[in-house]
């Protein structure tokens, strides 16, 4: 034992935050940046994980799971926000259902795929327009603590909350 703090990969830090927040039900839509995190969630016996094909499907499933007593989160790419706007507004926001959306924020600094850029730039504006609070990692802030803070905000405000994790965040695990 060295007495030094444990150094976690970005995926491990996010997973730690998920566990620390008590999240026990997760839906996921695949993304290259989530490729290490999704198997961690899938293998955790304390978390029920359901892969879905589209984000709006995940919003509905998480709403039902929350009403059944689960603490819910969705792992997704930010481009899926566009797919889920109606479900978020007409279900979660209308009926005060908390949901933690952990988003791989594509289309920002370091993005190699130009088609990701428009939605990358629009994501914070869409969240602001929908009055969905969002958090982004900051230097010196533990990502696990950020996840817990975001979940607590979702519960307190009774609405969806997003955590945007940009490409530079994920590159730390390469």
N, C-alpha and C. Protein backbone atom coordinates (compact mmCIF):
# COMPACT_ATOMS: atom_id res chain seq x y z
N UNK A 1 0.85 -1.18 0.00
CA UNK A 1 0.00 0.00 0.00
C UNK A 1 0.89 1.24 0.00
N UNK A 2 0.70 2.12 -0.96
CA UNK A 2 1.57 3.28 -1.12
C UNK A 2 1.05 4.52 -0.40
N UNK A 3 -0.21 4.57 -0.08
CA UNK A 3 -0.77 5.77 0.53
C UNK A 3 -1.14 6.84 -0.49
N UNK A 4 -0.81 6.59 -1.76
CA UNK A 4 -1.13 7.53 -2.83
C UNK A 4 -2.56 7.29 -3.31
N UNK A 5 -3.22 8.34 -3.80
CA UNK A 5 -4.57 8.13 -4.33
C UNK A 5 -4.54 7.22 -5.55
N UNK A 6 -5.56 6.42 -5.67
CA UNK A 6 -5.67 5.51 -6.81
C UNK A 6 -5.89 6.31 -8.09
N UNK A 7 -5.14 5.95 -9.13
CA UNK A 7 -5.30 6.62 -10.42
C UNK A 7 -6.23 5.76 -11.28
N UNK A 8 -7.34 6.35 -11.67
CA UNK A 8 -8.34 5.63 -12.45
C UNK A 8 -8.34 6.12 -13.88
N UNK A 9 -8.66 5.23 -14.80
CA UNK A 9 -8.89 5.65 -16.18
C UNK A 9 -10.18 6.46 -16.20
N UNK A 10 -10.44 7.22 -17.26
CA UNK A 10 -11.71 7.94 -17.34
C UNK A 10 -12.93 7.02 -17.19
N UNK A 11 -12.91 5.87 -17.84
CA UNK A 11 -14.04 4.94 -17.72
C UNK A 11 -14.20 4.44 -16.29
N UNK A 12 -13.10 4.13 -15.64
CA UNK A 12 -13.16 3.67 -14.25
C UNK A 12 -13.70 4.77 -13.33
N UNK A 13 -13.29 6.02 -13.59
CA UNK A 13 -13.77 7.14 -12.77
C UNK A 13 -15.27 7.35 -12.95
N UNK A 14 -15.75 7.26 -14.19
CA UNK A 14 -17.19 7.40 -14.44
C UNK A 14 -17.94 6.24 -13.78
N UNK A 15 -17.42 5.04 -13.91
CA UNK A 15 -18.05 3.87 -13.30
C UNK A 15 -18.11 4.02 -11.78
N UNK A 16 -17.03 4.51 -11.19
CA UNK A 16 -17.02 4.76 -9.75
C UNK A 16 -18.12 5.75 -9.38
N UNK A 17 -18.26 6.81 -10.16
CA UNK A 17 -19.32 7.79 -9.90
C UNK A 17 -20.71 7.19 -9.99
N UNK A 18 -20.90 6.33 -10.98
CA UNK A 18 -22.18 5.64 -11.14
C UNK A 18 -22.50 4.83 -9.88
N UNK A 19 -21.50 4.08 -9.42
CA UNK A 19 -21.71 3.26 -8.21
C UNK A 19 -21.90 4.13 -6.98
N UNK A 20 -21.07 5.18 -6.84
CA UNK A 20 -21.18 6.07 -5.68
C UNK A 20 -22.54 6.76 -5.63
N UNK A 21 -23.12 7.05 -6.79
CA UNK A 21 -24.44 7.69 -6.84
C UNK A 21 -25.57 6.70 -6.55
N UNK A 22 -25.26 5.42 -6.53
CA UNK A 22 -26.28 4.41 -6.28
C UNK A 22 -27.12 4.07 -7.50
N UNK A 23 -26.63 4.43 -8.68
CA UNK A 23 -27.35 4.11 -9.91
C UNK A 23 -27.44 2.59 -10.03
N UNK A 24 -28.65 2.08 -10.24
CA UNK A 24 -28.81 0.63 -10.31
C UNK A 24 -29.53 0.16 -11.58
N UNK A 25 -29.77 1.09 -12.51
CA UNK A 25 -30.41 0.73 -13.78
C UNK A 25 -29.84 1.64 -14.86
N UNK A 26 -29.24 1.04 -15.88
CA UNK A 26 -28.61 1.81 -16.95
C UNK A 26 -29.02 1.27 -18.30
N UNK A 27 -29.39 2.18 -19.19
CA UNK A 27 -29.53 1.83 -20.60
C UNK A 27 -28.34 2.45 -21.32
N UNK A 28 -27.94 1.83 -22.42
CA UNK A 28 -26.79 2.36 -23.16
C UNK A 28 -27.01 2.24 -24.65
N UNK A 29 -26.47 3.24 -25.35
CA UNK A 29 -26.39 3.23 -26.81
C UNK A 29 -24.90 3.27 -27.12
N UNK A 30 -24.39 2.38 -27.95
CA UNK A 30 -22.95 2.29 -28.17
C UNK A 30 -22.32 3.58 -28.70
N UNK A 31 -21.09 3.80 -28.29
CA UNK A 31 -20.23 4.88 -28.79
C UNK A 31 -18.80 4.43 -28.57
N UNK A 32 -17.92 4.77 -29.48
CA UNK A 32 -16.51 4.37 -29.36
C UNK A 32 -15.91 4.81 -28.03
N UNK A 33 -16.28 5.99 -27.55
CA UNK A 33 -15.72 6.48 -26.29
C UNK A 33 -16.25 5.73 -25.08
N UNK A 34 -17.35 5.05 -25.22
CA UNK A 34 -17.95 4.30 -24.11
C UNK A 34 -17.57 2.82 -24.13
N UNK A 35 -16.67 2.44 -25.04
CA UNK A 35 -16.38 1.01 -25.26
C UNK A 35 -15.77 0.32 -24.04
N UNK A 36 -15.09 1.04 -23.16
CA UNK A 36 -14.57 0.42 -21.94
C UNK A 36 -15.57 0.51 -20.78
N UNK A 37 -16.37 1.55 -20.77
CA UNK A 37 -17.33 1.76 -19.69
C UNK A 37 -18.51 0.79 -19.77
N UNK A 38 -19.04 0.57 -20.95
CA UNK A 38 -20.23 -0.27 -21.09
C UNK A 38 -20.00 -1.69 -20.56
N UNK A 39 -18.88 -2.36 -20.86
CA UNK A 39 -18.67 -3.68 -20.27
C UNK A 39 -18.57 -3.66 -18.74
N UNK A 40 -18.01 -2.60 -18.17
CA UNK A 40 -17.95 -2.49 -16.71
C UNK A 40 -19.36 -2.48 -16.12
N UNK A 41 -20.23 -1.70 -16.74
CA UNK A 41 -21.62 -1.61 -16.30
C UNK A 41 -22.31 -2.96 -16.49
N UNK A 42 -22.08 -3.57 -17.63
CA UNK A 42 -22.73 -4.84 -17.97
C UNK A 42 -22.35 -5.95 -16.99
N UNK A 43 -21.12 -5.91 -16.50
CA UNK A 43 -20.63 -6.97 -15.62
C UNK A 43 -20.90 -6.70 -14.14
N UNK A 44 -21.41 -5.54 -13.80
CA UNK A 44 -21.66 -5.20 -12.39
C UNK A 44 -22.97 -5.84 -11.93
N UNK A 45 -22.89 -6.74 -10.95
CA UNK A 45 -24.11 -7.44 -10.53
C UNK A 45 -25.15 -6.52 -9.88
N UNK A 46 -24.71 -5.39 -9.35
CA UNK A 46 -25.64 -4.48 -8.68
C UNK A 46 -26.37 -3.54 -9.64
N UNK A 47 -26.01 -3.61 -10.93
CA UNK A 47 -26.62 -2.73 -11.93
C UNK A 47 -27.33 -3.57 -12.99
N UNK A 48 -28.58 -3.23 -13.24
CA UNK A 48 -29.30 -3.85 -14.35
C UNK A 48 -28.99 -3.02 -15.59
N UNK A 49 -28.38 -3.63 -16.59
CA UNK A 49 -27.96 -2.92 -17.81
C UNK A 49 -28.77 -3.43 -18.99
N UNK A 50 -29.31 -2.49 -19.74
CA UNK A 50 -30.10 -2.84 -20.92
C UNK A 50 -29.59 -2.04 -22.11
N UNK A 51 -28.91 -2.67 -23.06
CA UNK A 51 -28.52 -1.97 -24.29
C UNK A 51 -29.78 -1.66 -25.11
N UNK A 52 -29.82 -0.47 -25.70
CA UNK A 52 -30.95 -0.07 -26.53
C UNK A 52 -30.43 0.40 -27.89
N UNK A 53 -31.33 0.50 -28.84
CA UNK A 53 -30.92 0.88 -30.19
C UNK A 53 -31.04 2.37 -30.46
N UNK A 54 -31.91 3.05 -29.71
CA UNK A 54 -32.08 4.50 -29.90
C UNK A 54 -32.30 5.17 -28.54
N UNK A 55 -31.88 6.41 -28.48
CA UNK A 55 -31.93 7.13 -27.21
C UNK A 55 -33.34 7.37 -26.70
N UNK A 56 -34.28 7.67 -27.58
CA UNK A 56 -35.64 7.91 -27.10
C UNK A 56 -36.24 6.64 -26.50
N UNK A 57 -35.84 5.50 -27.00
CA UNK A 57 -36.24 4.23 -26.40
C UNK A 57 -35.70 4.15 -24.97
N UNK A 58 -34.46 4.55 -24.81
CA UNK A 58 -33.83 4.55 -23.48
C UNK A 58 -34.52 5.48 -22.51
N UNK A 59 -34.94 6.66 -22.98
CA UNK A 59 -35.65 7.61 -22.11
C UNK A 59 -36.92 6.96 -21.56
N UNK A 60 -37.69 6.32 -22.42
CA UNK A 60 -38.93 5.68 -21.99
C UNK A 60 -38.69 4.53 -21.03
N UNK A 61 -37.71 3.71 -21.32
CA UNK A 61 -37.40 2.57 -20.45
C UNK A 61 -36.93 3.05 -19.09
N UNK A 62 -36.07 4.07 -19.08
CA UNK A 62 -35.59 4.62 -17.81
C UNK A 62 -36.73 5.24 -17.00
N UNK A 63 -37.67 5.88 -17.66
CA UNK A 63 -38.82 6.47 -16.96
C UNK A 63 -39.61 5.37 -16.24
N UNK A 64 -39.86 4.28 -16.94
CA UNK A 64 -40.57 3.17 -16.32
C UNK A 64 -39.79 2.55 -15.18
N UNK A 65 -38.49 2.40 -15.36
CA UNK A 65 -37.65 1.83 -14.30
C UNK A 65 -37.63 2.75 -13.07
N UNK A 66 -37.56 4.06 -13.31
CA UNK A 66 -37.58 5.01 -12.19
C UNK A 66 -38.90 4.89 -11.42
N UNK A 67 -40.01 4.80 -12.15
CA UNK A 67 -41.30 4.67 -11.48
C UNK A 67 -41.40 3.35 -10.72
N UNK A 68 -40.58 2.39 -11.11
CA UNK A 68 -40.52 1.12 -10.40
C UNK A 68 -39.49 1.11 -9.28
N UNK A 69 -38.93 2.27 -8.97
CA UNK A 69 -38.02 2.37 -7.83
C UNK A 69 -36.53 2.36 -8.15
N UNK A 70 -36.17 2.37 -9.42
CA UNK A 70 -34.76 2.32 -9.81
C UNK A 70 -34.16 3.72 -9.90
N UNK A 71 -32.84 3.79 -9.72
CA UNK A 71 -32.06 5.02 -9.96
C UNK A 71 -31.44 4.85 -11.33
N UNK A 72 -31.84 5.69 -12.27
CA UNK A 72 -31.55 5.42 -13.68
C UNK A 72 -30.54 6.37 -14.31
N UNK A 73 -29.83 5.81 -15.29
CA UNK A 73 -28.90 6.60 -16.10
C UNK A 73 -28.90 6.04 -17.51
N UNK A 74 -28.49 6.90 -18.44
CA UNK A 74 -28.35 6.49 -19.84
C UNK A 74 -26.95 6.87 -20.30
N UNK A 75 -26.23 5.90 -20.86
CA UNK A 75 -24.93 6.13 -21.48
C UNK A 75 -25.18 6.33 -22.96
N UNK A 76 -24.68 7.45 -23.51
CA UNK A 76 -25.03 7.79 -24.88
C UNK A 76 -24.01 8.75 -25.47
N UNK A 77 -24.08 8.91 -26.75
CA UNK A 77 -23.32 9.95 -27.44
C UNK A 77 -24.21 11.18 -27.53
N UNK A 78 -23.61 12.36 -27.51
CA UNK A 78 -24.42 13.58 -27.53
C UNK A 78 -25.28 13.72 -28.78
N UNK A 79 -24.91 13.10 -29.88
CA UNK A 79 -25.75 13.19 -31.08
C UNK A 79 -27.13 12.58 -30.82
N UNK A 80 -27.21 11.66 -29.87
CA UNK A 80 -28.48 11.06 -29.51
C UNK A 80 -29.43 12.00 -28.80
N UNK A 81 -28.92 13.13 -28.33
CA UNK A 81 -29.80 14.12 -27.72
C UNK A 81 -30.87 14.56 -28.72
N UNK A 82 -30.45 14.74 -29.97
CA UNK A 82 -31.40 15.12 -31.01
C UNK A 82 -32.50 14.09 -31.19
N UNK A 83 -32.15 12.81 -31.05
CA UNK A 83 -33.14 11.74 -31.18
C UNK A 83 -34.12 11.71 -30.01
N UNK A 84 -33.71 12.22 -28.86
CA UNK A 84 -34.49 12.02 -27.65
C UNK A 84 -35.22 13.27 -27.14
N UNK A 85 -35.13 14.38 -27.86
CA UNK A 85 -35.72 15.63 -27.37
C UNK A 85 -37.21 15.48 -27.04
N UNK A 86 -38.00 14.91 -27.93
CA UNK A 86 -39.43 14.79 -27.67
C UNK A 86 -39.72 13.90 -26.46
N UNK A 87 -39.03 12.78 -26.35
CA UNK A 87 -39.25 11.89 -25.21
C UNK A 87 -38.86 12.57 -23.90
N UNK A 88 -37.75 13.30 -23.91
CA UNK A 88 -37.33 14.01 -22.70
C UNK A 88 -38.37 15.05 -22.29
N UNK A 89 -38.85 15.83 -23.28
CA UNK A 89 -39.79 16.91 -22.98
C UNK A 89 -41.17 16.39 -22.60
N UNK A 90 -41.69 15.41 -23.35
CA UNK A 90 -43.07 14.98 -23.15
C UNK A 90 -43.22 13.88 -22.11
N UNK A 91 -42.12 13.36 -21.60
CA UNK A 91 -42.20 12.32 -20.58
C UNK A 91 -41.46 12.77 -19.31
N UNK A 92 -40.15 12.79 -19.37
CA UNK A 92 -39.37 13.09 -18.16
C UNK A 92 -39.64 14.49 -17.61
N UNK A 93 -39.62 15.47 -18.48
CA UNK A 93 -39.79 16.84 -18.00
C UNK A 93 -41.25 17.12 -17.60
N UNK A 94 -42.17 16.59 -18.35
CA UNK A 94 -43.59 16.79 -18.04
C UNK A 94 -43.98 16.15 -16.71
N UNK A 95 -43.44 14.94 -16.46
CA UNK A 95 -43.83 14.19 -15.27
C UNK A 95 -42.77 14.21 -14.17
N UNK A 96 -41.80 15.13 -14.28
CA UNK A 96 -40.80 15.33 -13.22
C UNK A 96 -40.02 14.06 -12.89
N UNK A 97 -39.49 13.43 -13.92
CA UNK A 97 -38.75 12.18 -13.76
C UNK A 97 -37.26 12.46 -13.91
N UNK A 98 -36.48 12.20 -12.86
CA UNK A 98 -35.04 12.41 -12.98
C UNK A 98 -34.40 11.36 -13.89
N UNK A 99 -33.39 11.78 -14.61
CA UNK A 99 -32.61 10.88 -15.46
C UNK A 99 -31.22 11.46 -15.59
N UNK A 100 -30.22 10.64 -15.35
CA UNK A 100 -28.83 11.04 -15.54
C UNK A 100 -28.40 10.59 -16.93
N UNK A 101 -28.05 11.55 -17.78
CA UNK A 101 -27.55 11.24 -19.12
C UNK A 101 -26.04 11.47 -19.13
N UNK A 102 -25.28 10.41 -19.25
CA UNK A 102 -23.83 10.50 -19.33
C UNK A 102 -23.48 10.43 -20.80
N UNK A 103 -23.02 11.58 -21.33
CA UNK A 103 -22.83 11.70 -22.78
C UNK A 103 -21.37 11.81 -23.17
N UNK A 104 -20.98 11.00 -24.11
CA UNK A 104 -19.73 11.20 -24.81
C UNK A 104 -19.97 12.41 -25.72
N UNK A 105 -19.27 13.52 -25.45
CA UNK A 105 -19.52 14.76 -26.19
C UNK A 105 -18.62 14.82 -27.41
N UNK A 106 -19.14 14.35 -28.52
CA UNK A 106 -18.42 14.34 -29.79
C UNK A 106 -18.59 15.69 -30.49
N UNK A 107 -17.74 15.94 -31.49
CA UNK A 107 -17.87 17.14 -32.30
C UNK A 107 -17.24 18.38 -31.68
N UNK A 108 -16.39 18.18 -30.69
CA UNK A 108 -15.70 19.30 -30.06
C UNK A 108 -14.19 19.14 -30.30
N UNK A 109 -13.40 19.91 -29.62
CA UNK A 109 -11.95 19.89 -29.79
C UNK A 109 -11.40 18.46 -29.89
N UNK A 110 -10.64 18.22 -30.94
CA UNK A 110 -10.02 16.91 -31.14
C UNK A 110 -10.87 15.93 -31.92
N UNK A 111 -12.04 16.34 -32.37
CA UNK A 111 -12.94 15.43 -33.10
C UNK A 111 -12.40 15.16 -34.50
N UNK A 112 -12.14 13.89 -34.84
CA UNK A 112 -11.63 13.57 -36.17
C UNK A 112 -12.73 13.44 -37.24
N UNK A 113 -13.99 13.32 -36.83
CA UNK A 113 -15.08 13.10 -37.78
C UNK A 113 -15.87 14.39 -37.93
N UNK A 114 -15.74 15.02 -39.09
CA UNK A 114 -16.36 16.33 -39.31
C UNK A 114 -17.88 16.30 -39.17
N UNK A 115 -18.51 15.20 -39.47
CA UNK A 115 -19.98 15.11 -39.37
C UNK A 115 -20.46 15.22 -37.92
N UNK A 116 -19.57 15.03 -36.95
CA UNK A 116 -19.94 15.14 -35.54
C UNK A 116 -19.98 16.60 -35.06
N UNK A 117 -19.31 17.50 -35.79
CA UNK A 117 -19.13 18.88 -35.33
C UNK A 117 -20.44 19.66 -35.17
N UNK A 118 -21.38 19.63 -36.12
CA UNK A 118 -22.61 20.43 -35.92
C UNK A 118 -23.34 20.09 -34.62
N UNK A 119 -23.55 18.82 -34.35
CA UNK A 119 -24.26 18.45 -33.13
C UNK A 119 -23.39 18.72 -31.90
N UNK A 120 -22.09 18.57 -32.06
CA UNK A 120 -21.19 18.88 -30.94
C UNK A 120 -21.33 20.32 -30.50
N UNK A 121 -21.43 21.21 -31.47
CA UNK A 121 -21.59 22.64 -31.16
C UNK A 121 -22.98 22.95 -30.63
N UNK A 122 -23.99 22.24 -31.11
CA UNK A 122 -25.37 22.51 -30.71
C UNK A 122 -25.76 21.92 -29.36
N UNK A 123 -25.06 20.91 -28.91
CA UNK A 123 -25.48 20.19 -27.70
C UNK A 123 -25.68 21.10 -26.49
N UNK A 124 -24.70 21.93 -26.10
CA UNK A 124 -24.96 22.80 -24.94
C UNK A 124 -26.13 23.76 -25.16
N UNK A 125 -26.28 24.26 -26.38
CA UNK A 125 -27.39 25.17 -26.69
C UNK A 125 -28.74 24.46 -26.56
N UNK A 126 -28.81 23.22 -27.05
CA UNK A 126 -30.06 22.45 -26.93
C UNK A 126 -30.40 22.18 -25.47
N UNK A 127 -29.39 21.81 -24.69
CA UNK A 127 -29.63 21.57 -23.27
C UNK A 127 -30.10 22.85 -22.58
N UNK A 128 -29.47 23.97 -22.90
CA UNK A 128 -29.90 25.25 -22.32
C UNK A 128 -31.34 25.57 -22.73
N UNK A 129 -31.66 25.39 -23.99
CA UNK A 129 -33.01 25.68 -24.49
C UNK A 129 -34.05 24.82 -23.78
N UNK A 130 -33.69 23.56 -23.52
CA UNK A 130 -34.61 22.65 -22.85
C UNK A 130 -34.60 22.81 -21.32
N UNK A 131 -33.73 23.69 -20.84
CA UNK A 131 -33.55 23.91 -19.40
C UNK A 131 -33.13 22.63 -18.69
N UNK A 132 -32.26 21.88 -19.36
CA UNK A 132 -31.67 20.68 -18.77
C UNK A 132 -30.28 21.06 -18.27
N UNK A 133 -30.07 21.00 -16.96
CA UNK A 133 -28.74 21.31 -16.44
C UNK A 133 -27.70 20.32 -16.97
N UNK A 134 -26.48 20.81 -17.13
CA UNK A 134 -25.41 19.90 -17.55
C UNK A 134 -24.11 20.27 -16.86
N UNK A 135 -23.28 19.25 -16.73
CA UNK A 135 -21.99 19.38 -16.08
C UNK A 135 -20.91 18.92 -17.05
N UNK A 136 -19.74 19.54 -16.93
CA UNK A 136 -18.59 19.15 -17.74
C UNK A 136 -17.40 19.01 -16.79
N UNK A 137 -16.48 18.08 -17.09
CA UNK A 137 -15.33 17.91 -16.21
C UNK A 137 -14.46 19.15 -16.20
N UNK A 138 -13.95 19.46 -15.02
CA UNK A 138 -13.05 20.59 -14.86
C UNK A 138 -11.75 20.07 -14.26
N UNK A 139 -10.70 20.80 -14.50
CA UNK A 139 -9.40 20.43 -13.94
C UNK A 139 -9.50 20.39 -12.42
N UNK A 140 -8.99 19.33 -11.84
CA UNK A 140 -8.99 19.19 -10.39
C UNK A 140 -10.27 18.65 -9.80
N UNK A 141 -11.30 18.43 -10.62
CA UNK A 141 -12.57 17.89 -10.12
C UNK A 141 -12.62 16.40 -10.44
N UNK A 142 -12.88 15.61 -9.43
CA UNK A 142 -12.97 14.16 -9.60
C UNK A 142 -14.21 13.84 -10.45
N UNK A 143 -14.02 13.14 -11.59
CA UNK A 143 -15.18 12.79 -12.42
C UNK A 143 -16.24 12.00 -11.66
N UNK A 144 -15.82 11.16 -10.73
CA UNK A 144 -16.79 10.39 -9.95
C UNK A 144 -17.67 11.33 -9.14
N UNK A 145 -17.07 12.35 -8.54
CA UNK A 145 -17.85 13.33 -7.78
C UNK A 145 -18.81 14.10 -8.68
N UNK A 146 -18.38 14.37 -9.90
CA UNK A 146 -19.23 15.07 -10.87
C UNK A 146 -20.48 14.25 -11.20
N UNK A 147 -20.29 12.94 -11.37
CA UNK A 147 -21.43 12.05 -11.65
C UNK A 147 -22.41 12.06 -10.48
N UNK A 148 -21.89 11.96 -9.26
CA UNK A 148 -22.75 11.98 -8.07
C UNK A 148 -23.50 13.31 -7.98
N UNK A 149 -22.79 14.41 -8.21
CA UNK A 149 -23.43 15.73 -8.16
C UNK A 149 -24.53 15.84 -9.21
N UNK A 150 -24.28 15.34 -10.40
CA UNK A 150 -25.28 15.39 -11.47
C UNK A 150 -26.52 14.58 -11.10
N UNK A 151 -26.32 13.36 -10.56
CA UNK A 151 -27.48 12.55 -10.16
C UNK A 151 -28.27 13.25 -9.06
N UNK A 152 -27.57 13.78 -8.07
CA UNK A 152 -28.25 14.48 -6.98
C UNK A 152 -29.04 15.68 -7.51
N UNK A 153 -28.50 16.37 -8.49
CA UNK A 153 -29.20 17.50 -9.10
C UNK A 153 -30.46 17.02 -9.82
N UNK A 154 -30.36 15.90 -10.55
CA UNK A 154 -31.53 15.35 -11.24
C UNK A 154 -32.64 15.01 -10.25
N UNK A 155 -32.28 14.41 -9.13
CA UNK A 155 -33.27 14.04 -8.12
C UNK A 155 -33.88 15.28 -7.47
N UNK A 156 -33.02 16.24 -7.10
CA UNK A 156 -33.51 17.46 -6.45
C UNK A 156 -34.41 18.27 -7.37
N UNK A 157 -34.03 18.38 -8.64
CA UNK A 157 -34.79 19.19 -9.59
C UNK A 157 -35.91 18.40 -10.27
N UNK A 158 -35.90 17.07 -10.09
CA UNK A 158 -36.90 16.19 -10.70
C UNK A 158 -36.95 16.37 -12.21
N UNK A 159 -35.77 16.24 -12.83
CA UNK A 159 -35.69 16.40 -14.28
C UNK A 159 -34.40 15.75 -14.78
N UNK A 160 -34.29 15.59 -16.09
CA UNK A 160 -33.05 15.06 -16.66
C UNK A 160 -31.89 16.03 -16.43
N UNK A 161 -30.72 15.45 -16.27
CA UNK A 161 -29.47 16.20 -16.13
C UNK A 161 -28.43 15.48 -16.98
N UNK A 162 -27.56 16.24 -17.62
CA UNK A 162 -26.53 15.65 -18.48
C UNK A 162 -25.13 15.88 -17.92
N UNK A 163 -24.26 14.93 -18.18
CA UNK A 163 -22.82 15.09 -17.97
C UNK A 163 -22.19 14.95 -19.34
N UNK A 164 -21.53 16.01 -19.81
CA UNK A 164 -20.88 16.01 -21.12
C UNK A 164 -19.40 15.71 -20.94
N UNK A 165 -18.96 14.61 -21.52
CA UNK A 165 -17.56 14.19 -21.40
C UNK A 165 -16.91 14.27 -22.77
N UNK A 166 -16.13 15.33 -23.03
CA UNK A 166 -15.56 15.56 -24.36
C UNK A 166 -14.39 14.64 -24.69
N UNK A 167 -13.98 14.67 -25.93
CA UNK A 167 -12.91 13.81 -26.42
C UNK A 167 -11.64 13.89 -25.57
N UNK A 168 -11.16 15.08 -25.19
CA UNK A 168 -9.94 15.11 -24.37
C UNK A 168 -10.09 14.34 -23.05
N UNK A 169 -11.28 14.31 -22.49
CA UNK A 169 -11.51 13.52 -21.27
C UNK A 169 -11.23 12.04 -21.53
N UNK A 170 -11.78 11.51 -22.63
CA UNK A 170 -11.64 10.09 -22.94
C UNK A 170 -10.23 9.73 -23.38
N UNK A 171 -9.49 10.65 -23.95
CA UNK A 171 -8.15 10.35 -24.45
C UNK A 171 -7.19 9.98 -23.33
N UNK A 172 -7.52 10.32 -22.12
CA UNK A 172 -6.66 9.99 -20.99
C UNK A 172 -6.58 8.48 -20.76
N UNK A 173 -7.52 7.72 -21.33
CA UNK A 173 -7.50 6.28 -21.10
C UNK A 173 -6.81 5.52 -22.22
N UNK A 174 -6.45 6.20 -23.28
CA UNK A 174 -5.82 5.53 -24.42
C UNK A 174 -4.40 5.09 -24.09
